[in-house]
């Protein structure tokens, strides 16, 4: 199975945050980025983004809130 990668801009749009937030989350280990070997740009695995969003959705359903709890990711 081939892994699909998206740019930081695309990942930010999918998650609903800014690219800066994704960079900060990467530093904290919340959502890991990878580096494109050709240009060293950050890229994100689409399957990991989907897993991250499912975790957020599950925590939201349990607590009834609308905030993103990054400690659960």
PDB file of N, CA and C in Angstrom:
ATOM      1  N   UNK A   1       0.848  -1.181   0.000  1.00  0.00           N
ATOM      2  CA  UNK A   1       0.000   0.000   0.000  1.00  0.00           C
ATOM      3  C   UNK A   1       0.894   1.245   0.000  1.00  0.00           C
ATOM      4  N   UNK A   2       0.636   2.129  -0.916  1.00  0.00           N
ATOM      5  CA  UNK A   2       1.421   3.356  -1.031  1.00  0.00           C
ATOM      6  C   UNK A   2       0.887   4.413  -0.066  1.00  0.00           C
ATOM      7  N   UNK A   3       1.803   5.063   0.632  1.00  0.00           N
ATOM      8  CA  UNK A   3       1.410   6.132   1.556  1.00  0.00           C
ATOM      9  C   UNK A   3       1.276   7.426   0.778  1.00  0.00           C
ATOM     10  N   UNK A   4       0.238   8.164   1.077  1.00  0.00           N
ATOM     11  CA  UNK A   4       0.022   9.445   0.413  1.00  0.00           C
ATOM     12  C   UNK A   4       0.432  10.562   1.360  1.00  0.00           C
ATOM     13  N   UNK A   5       1.184  11.502   0.832  1.00  0.00           N
ATOM     14  CA  UNK A   5       1.666  12.638   1.607  1.00  0.00           C
ATOM     15  C   UNK A   5       1.038  13.922   1.078  1.00  0.00           C
ATOM     16  N   UNK A   6       0.827  14.879   1.984  1.00  0.00           N
ATOM     17  CA  UNK A   6       0.308  16.189   1.597  1.00  0.00           C
ATOM     18  C   UNK A   6       1.234  17.258   2.163  1.00  0.00           C
ATOM     19  N   UNK A   7       1.209  18.416   1.534  1.00  0.00           N
ATOM     20  CA  UNK A   7       2.039  19.536   1.991  1.00  0.00           C
ATOM     21  C   UNK A   7       1.501  20.084   3.310  1.00  0.00           C
ATOM     22  N   UNK A   8       2.294  20.921   3.947  1.00  0.00           N
ATOM     23  CA  UNK A   8       1.866  21.520   5.212  1.00  0.00           C
ATOM     24  C   UNK A   8       0.632  22.398   4.998  1.00  0.00           C
ATOM     25  N   UNK A   9       0.564  23.070   3.858  1.00  0.00           N
ATOM     26  CA  UNK A   9      -0.595  23.916   3.556  1.00  0.00           C
ATOM     27  C   UNK A   9      -1.852  23.065   3.394  1.00  0.00           C
ATOM     28  N   UNK A  10      -1.732  21.950   2.680  1.00  0.00           N
ATOM     29  CA  UNK A  10      -2.881  21.061   2.505  1.00  0.00           C
ATOM     30  C   UNK A  10      -3.290  20.430   3.833  1.00  0.00           C
ATOM     31  N   UNK A  11      -2.316  20.015   4.624  1.00  0.00           N
ATOM     32  CA  UNK A  11      -2.613  19.413   5.925  1.00  0.00           C
ATOM     33  C   UNK A  11      -3.318  20.412   6.844  1.00  0.00           C
ATOM     34  N   UNK A  12      -2.852  21.657   6.829  1.00  0.00           N
ATOM     35  CA  UNK A  12      -3.476  22.696   7.659  1.00  0.00           C
ATOM     36  C   UNK A  12      -4.929  22.909   7.255  1.00  0.00           C
ATOM     37  N   UNK A  13      -5.195  22.897   5.957  1.00  0.00           N
ATOM     38  CA  UNK A  13      -6.570  23.073   5.479  1.00  0.00           C
ATOM     39  C   UNK A  13      -7.450  21.900   5.907  1.00  0.00           C
ATOM     40  N   UNK A  14      -6.919  20.701   5.866  1.00  0.00           N
ATOM     41  CA  UNK A  14      -7.685  19.516   6.259  1.00  0.00           C
ATOM     42  C   UNK A  14      -8.015  19.560   7.746  1.00  0.00           C
ATOM     43  N   UNK A  15      -7.032  19.904   8.563  1.00  0.00           N
ATOM     44  CA  UNK A  15      -7.213  19.908  10.020  1.00  0.00           C
ATOM     45  C   UNK A  15      -7.973  21.149  10.491  1.00  0.00           C
ATOM     46  N   UNK A  16      -7.853  22.250   9.745  1.00  0.00           N
ATOM     47  CA  UNK A  16      -8.551  23.480  10.118  1.00  0.00           C
ATOM     48  C   UNK A  16      -7.733  24.389  11.012  1.00  0.00           C
ATOM     49  N   UNK A  17      -6.415  24.322  10.866  1.00  0.00           N
ATOM     50  CA  UNK A  17      -5.513  25.180  11.635  1.00  0.00           C
ATOM     51  C   UNK A  17      -4.526  25.828  10.670  1.00  0.00           C
ATOM     52  N   UNK A  18      -3.664  26.678  11.190  1.00  0.00           N
ATOM     53  CA  UNK A  18      -2.665  27.329  10.342  1.00  0.00           C
ATOM     54  C   UNK A  18      -1.429  26.432  10.201  1.00  0.00           C
ATOM     55  N   UNK A  19      -0.634  26.662   9.160  1.00  0.00           N
ATOM     56  CA  UNK A  19       0.631  25.923   9.045  1.00  0.00           C
ATOM     57  C   UNK A  19       1.542  26.123  10.261  1.00  0.00           C
ATOM     58  N   UNK A  20       1.518  27.305  10.850  1.00  0.00           N
ATOM     59  CA  UNK A  20       2.327  27.552  12.045  1.00  0.00           C
ATOM     60  C   UNK A  20       1.904  26.632  13.195  1.00  0.00           C
ATOM     61  N   UNK A  21       0.611  26.431  13.349  1.00  0.00           N
ATOM     62  CA  UNK A  21       0.121  25.518  14.385  1.00  0.00           C
ATOM     63  C   UNK A  21       0.636  24.108  14.136  1.00  0.00           C
ATOM     64  N   UNK A  22       0.619  23.666  12.879  1.00  0.00           N
ATOM     65  CA  UNK A  22       1.145  22.333  12.571  1.00  0.00           C
ATOM     66  C   UNK A  22       2.634  22.237  12.889  1.00  0.00           C
ATOM     67  N   UNK A  23       3.380  23.283  12.604  1.00  0.00           N
ATOM     68  CA  UNK A  23       4.814  23.281  12.930  1.00  0.00           C
ATOM     69  C   UNK A  23       5.016  23.152  14.443  1.00  0.00           C
ATOM     70  N   UNK A  24       4.211  23.889  15.205  1.00  0.00           N
ATOM     71  CA  UNK A  24       4.302  23.813  16.672  1.00  0.00           C
ATOM     72  C   UNK A  24       3.912  22.424  17.177  1.00  0.00           C
ATOM     73  N   UNK A  25       2.861  21.847  16.609  1.00  0.00           N
ATOM     74  CA  UNK A  25       2.441  20.505  17.001  1.00  0.00           C
ATOM     75  C   UNK A  25       3.518  19.487  16.663  1.00  0.00           C
ATOM     76  N   UNK A  26       4.202  19.688  15.542  1.00  0.00           N
ATOM     77  CA  UNK A  26       5.286  18.782  15.162  1.00  0.00           C
ATOM     78  C   UNK A  26       6.407  18.842  16.198  1.00  0.00           C
ATOM     79  N   UNK A  27       6.753  20.035  16.643  1.00  0.00           N
ATOM     80  CA  UNK A  27       7.801  20.189  17.667  1.00  0.00           C
ATOM     81  C   UNK A  27       7.406  19.515  18.977  1.00  0.00           C
ATOM     82  N   UNK A  28       6.098  19.554  19.292  1.00  0.00           N
ATOM     83  CA  UNK A  28       5.600  18.954  20.532  1.00  0.00           C
ATOM     84  C   UNK A  28       5.295  17.466  20.380  1.00  0.00           C
ATOM     85  N   UNK A  29       5.356  16.945  19.161  1.00  0.00           N
ATOM     86  CA  UNK A  29       5.075  15.537  18.927  1.00  0.00           C
ATOM     87  C   UNK A  29       3.604  15.206  18.803  1.00  0.00           C
ATOM     88  N   UNK A  30       2.773  16.203  18.612  1.00  0.00           N
ATOM     89  CA  UNK A  30       1.335  15.985  18.504  1.00  0.00           C
ATOM     90  C   UNK A  30       0.977  15.368  17.155  1.00  0.00           C
ATOM     91  N   UNK A  31       1.496  15.924  16.086  1.00  0.00           N
ATOM     92  CA  UNK A  31       1.259  15.419  14.731  1.00  0.00           C
ATOM     93  C   UNK A  31       2.594  15.492  13.996  1.00  0.00           C
ATOM     94  N   UNK A  32       3.168  14.344  13.728  1.00  0.00           N
ATOM     95  CA  UNK A  32       4.521  14.267  13.184  1.00  0.00           C
ATOM     96  C   UNK A  32       4.558  14.569  11.695  1.00  0.00           C
ATOM     97  N   UNK A  33       5.531  15.372  11.306  1.00  0.00           N
ATOM     98  CA  UNK A  33       5.759  15.626   9.882  1.00  0.00           C
ATOM     99  C   UNK A  33       6.983  14.841   9.430  1.00  0.00           C
ATOM    100  N   UNK A  34       7.105  14.729   8.137  1.00  0.00           N
ATOM    101  CA  UNK A  34       8.258  14.089   7.512  1.00  0.00           C
ATOM    102  C   UNK A  34       8.880  15.113   6.585  1.00  0.00           C
ATOM    103  N   UNK A  35      10.071  14.840   6.117  1.00  0.00           N
ATOM    104  CA  UNK A  35      10.751  15.764   5.216  1.00  0.00           C
ATOM    105  C   UNK A  35      10.837  15.157   3.824  1.00  0.00           C
ATOM    106  N   UNK A  36      10.485  15.966   2.829  1.00  0.00           N
ATOM    107  CA  UNK A  36      10.640  15.562   1.445  1.00  0.00           C
ATOM    108  C   UNK A  36      12.137  15.457   1.172  1.00  0.00           C
ATOM    109  N   UNK A  37      12.617  14.316   0.688  1.00  0.00           N
ATOM    110  CA  UNK A  37      14.061  14.157   0.499  1.00  0.00           C
ATOM    111  C   UNK A  37      14.651  15.045  -0.595  1.00  0.00           C
ATOM    112  N   UNK A  38      13.826  15.543  -1.491  1.00  0.00           N
ATOM    113  CA  UNK A  38      14.317  16.373  -2.590  1.00  0.00           C
ATOM    114  C   UNK A  38      14.505  17.824  -2.153  1.00  0.00           C
ATOM    115  N   UNK A  39      13.477  18.388  -1.483  1.00  0.00           N
ATOM    116  CA  UNK A  39      13.524  19.817  -1.154  1.00  0.00           C
ATOM    117  C   UNK A  39      13.485  20.111   0.348  1.00  0.00           C
ATOM    118  N   UNK A  40      13.410  19.076   1.168  1.00  0.00           N
ATOM    119  CA  UNK A  40      13.395  19.198   2.625  1.00  0.00           C
ATOM    120  C   UNK A  40      12.146  19.898   3.171  1.00  0.00           C
ATOM    121  N   UNK A  41      11.085  20.022   2.373  1.00  0.00           N
ATOM    122  CA  UNK A  41       9.827  20.595   2.853  1.00  0.00           C
ATOM    123  C   UNK A  41       9.143  19.603   3.787  1.00  0.00           C
ATOM    124  N   UNK A  42       8.344  20.136   4.712  1.00  0.00           N
ATOM    125  CA  UNK A  42       7.545  19.281   5.582  1.00  0.00           C
ATOM    126  C   UNK A  42       6.393  18.696   4.780  1.00  0.00           C
ATOM    127  N   UNK A  43       6.152  17.425   4.996  1.00  0.00           N
ATOM    128  CA  UNK A  43       4.982  16.763   4.429  1.00  0.00           C
ATOM    129  C   UNK A  43       4.345  15.927   5.536  1.00  0.00           C
ATOM    130  N   UNK A  44       3.066  15.677   5.395  1.00  0.00           N
ATOM    131  CA  UNK A  44       2.313  14.919   6.387  1.00  0.00           C
ATOM    132  C   UNK A  44       1.652  13.734   5.715  1.00  0.00           C
ATOM    133  N   UNK A  45       1.649  12.607   6.422  1.00  0.00           N
ATOM    134  CA  UNK A  45       0.978  11.419   5.891  1.00  0.00           C
ATOM    135  C   UNK A  45      -0.522  11.592   6.065  1.00  0.00           C
ATOM    136  N   UNK A  46      -1.247  11.361   4.990  1.00  0.00           N
ATOM    137  CA  UNK A  46      -2.695  11.537   5.016  1.00  0.00           C
ATOM    138  C   UNK A  46      -3.353  10.574   6.002  1.00  0.00           C
ATOM    139  N   UNK A  47      -2.864   9.349   6.093  1.00  0.00           N
ATOM    140  CA  UNK A  47      -3.464   8.401   7.036  1.00  0.00           C
ATOM    141  C   UNK A  47      -3.266   8.840   8.489  1.00  0.00           C
ATOM    142  N   UNK A  48      -2.147   9.493   8.793  1.00  0.00           N
ATOM    143  CA  UNK A  48      -1.930   9.990  10.154  1.00  0.00           C
ATOM    144  C   UNK A  48      -2.820  11.192  10.461  1.00  0.00           C
ATOM    145  N   UNK A  49      -3.072  12.016   9.457  1.00  0.00           N
ATOM    146  CA  UNK A  49      -3.994  13.140   9.644  1.00  0.00           C
ATOM    147  C   UNK A  49      -5.390  12.613   9.937  1.00  0.00           C
ATOM    148  N   UNK A  50      -5.821  11.606   9.182  1.00  0.00           N
ATOM    149  CA  UNK A  50      -7.147  11.024   9.398  1.00  0.00           C
ATOM    150  C   UNK A  50      -7.252  10.403  10.786  1.00  0.00           C
ATOM    151  N   UNK A  51      -6.213   9.712  11.223  1.00  0.00           N
ATOM    152  CA  UNK A  51      -6.202   9.131  12.565  1.00  0.00           C
ATOM    153  C   UNK A  51      -6.270  10.221  13.630  1.00  0.00           C
ATOM    154  N   UNK A  52      -5.507  11.286  13.446  1.00  0.00           N
ATOM    155  CA  UNK A  52      -5.516  12.421  14.367  1.00  0.00           C
ATOM    156  C   UNK A  52      -6.922  13.012  14.472  1.00  0.00           C
ATOM    157  N   UNK A  53      -7.577  13.214  13.329  1.00  0.00           N
ATOM    158  CA  UNK A  53      -8.922  13.790  13.336  1.00  0.00           C
ATOM    159  C   UNK A  53      -9.928  12.859  14.009  1.00  0.00           C
ATOM    160  N   UNK A  54      -9.778  11.551  13.831  1.00  0.00           N
ATOM    161  CA  UNK A  54     -10.670  10.601  14.510  1.00  0.00           C
ATOM    162  C   UNK A  54     -10.490  10.677  16.023  1.00  0.00           C
ATOM    163  N   UNK A  55      -9.239  10.795  16.478  1.00  0.00           N
ATOM    164  CA  UNK A  55      -8.990  10.922  17.920  1.00  0.00           C
ATOM    165  C   UNK A  55      -9.630  12.188  18.471  1.00  0.00           C
ATOM    166  N   UNK A  56      -9.511  13.273  17.728  1.00  0.00           N
ATOM    167  CA  UNK A  56     -10.119  14.540  18.149  1.00  0.00           C
ATOM    168  C   UNK A  56     -11.632  14.396  18.210  1.00  0.00           C
ATOM    169  N   UNK A  57     -12.204  13.780  17.187  1.00  0.00           N
ATOM    170  CA  UNK A  57     -13.656  13.599  17.136  1.00  0.00           C
ATOM    171  C   UNK A  57     -14.124  12.728  18.301  1.00  0.00           C
ATOM    172  N   UNK A  58     -13.396  11.669  18.603  1.00  0.00           N
ATOM    173  CA  UNK A  58     -13.772  10.801  19.722  1.00  0.00           C
ATOM    174  C   UNK A  58     -13.695  11.531  21.052  1.00  0.00           C
ATOM    175  N   UNK A  59     -12.673  12.343  21.249  1.00  0.00           N
ATOM    176  CA  UNK A  59     -12.564  13.075  22.510  1.00  0.00           C
ATOM    177  C   UNK A  59     -13.652  14.136  22.609  1.00  0.00           C
ATOM    178  N   UNK A  60     -14.027  14.729  21.471  1.00  0.00           N
ATOM    179  CA  UNK A  60     -15.088  15.733  21.462  1.00  0.00           C
ATOM    180  C   UNK A  60     -16.419  15.083  21.816  1.00  0.00           C
ATOM    181  N   UNK A  61     -16.665  13.894  21.272  1.00  0.00           N
ATOM    182  CA  UNK A  61     -17.918  13.202  21.553  1.00  0.00           C
ATOM    183  C   UNK A  61     -18.020  12.799  23.018  1.00  0.00           C
ATOM    184  N   UNK A  62     -16.906  12.418  23.618  1.00  0.00           N
ATOM    185  CA  UNK A  62     -16.925  11.990  25.011  1.00  0.00           C
ATOM    186  C   UNK A  62     -17.172  13.149  25.960  1.00  0.00           C
ATOM    187  N   UNK A  63     -16.616  14.316  25.623  1.00  0.00           N
ATOM    188  CA  UNK A  63     -16.711  15.443  26.546  1.00  0.00           C
ATOM    189  C   UNK A  63     -17.744  16.472  26.123  1.00  0.00           C
ATOM    190  N   UNK A  64     -18.242  16.384  24.902  1.00  0.00           N
ATOM    191  CA  UNK A  64     -19.257  17.310  24.446  1.00  0.00           C
ATOM    192  C   UNK A  64     -18.743  18.685  24.089  1.00  0.00           C
ATOM    193  N   UNK A  65     -17.440  18.880  24.117  1.00  0.00           N
ATOM    194  CA  UNK A  65     -16.871  20.186  23.805  1.00  0.00           C
ATOM    195  C   UNK A  65     -16.523  20.334  22.343  1.00  0.00           C
ATOM    196  N   UNK A  66     -16.079  21.540  21.976  1.00  0.00           N
ATOM    197  CA  UNK A  66     -15.698  21.797  20.599  1.00  0.00           C
ATOM    198  C   UNK A  66     -14.224  22.133  20.469  1.00  0.00           C
ATOM    199  N   UNK A  67     -13.488  22.156  21.558  1.00  0.00           N
ATOM    200  CA  UNK A  67     -12.070  22.497  21.522  1.00  0.00           C
ATOM    201  C   UNK A  67     -11.251  21.290  21.098  1.00  0.00           C
ATOM    202  N   UNK A  68     -10.109  21.556  20.483  1.00  0.00           N
ATOM    203  CA  UNK A  68      -9.193  20.486  20.109  1.00  0.00           C
ATOM    204  C   UNK A  68      -8.268  20.224  21.282  1.00  0.00           C
ATOM    205  N   UNK A  69      -8.311  19.009  21.795  1.00  0.00           N
ATOM    206  CA  UNK A  69      -7.457  18.620  22.910  1.00  0.00           C
ATOM    207  C   UNK A  69      -6.238  17.910  22.343  1.00  0.00           C
ATOM    208  N   UNK A  70      -5.137  18.629  22.189  1.00  0.00           N
ATOM    209  CA  UNK A  70      -3.959  18.047  21.561  1.00  0.00           C
ATOM    210  C   UNK A  70      -3.225  17.090  22.483  1.00  0.00           C
ATOM    211  N   UNK A  71      -3.541  17.089  23.749  1.00  0.00           N
ATOM    212  CA  UNK A  71      -2.869  16.167  24.660  1.00  0.00           C
ATOM    213  C   UNK A  71      -3.318  14.733  24.423  1.00  0.00           C
ATOM    214  N   UNK A  72      -4.481  14.538  23.816  1.00  0.00           N
ATOM    215  CA  UNK A  72      -5.004  13.203  23.552  1.00  0.00           C
ATOM    216  C   UNK A  72      -4.424  12.607  22.285  1.00  0.00           C
ATOM    217  N   UNK A  73      -3.837  13.422  21.434  1.00  0.00           N
ATOM    218  CA  UNK A  73      -3.360  12.927  20.137  1.00  0.00           C
ATOM    219  C   UNK A  73      -2.055  12.192  20.271  1.00  0.00           C
TER     220      UNK A  73
END
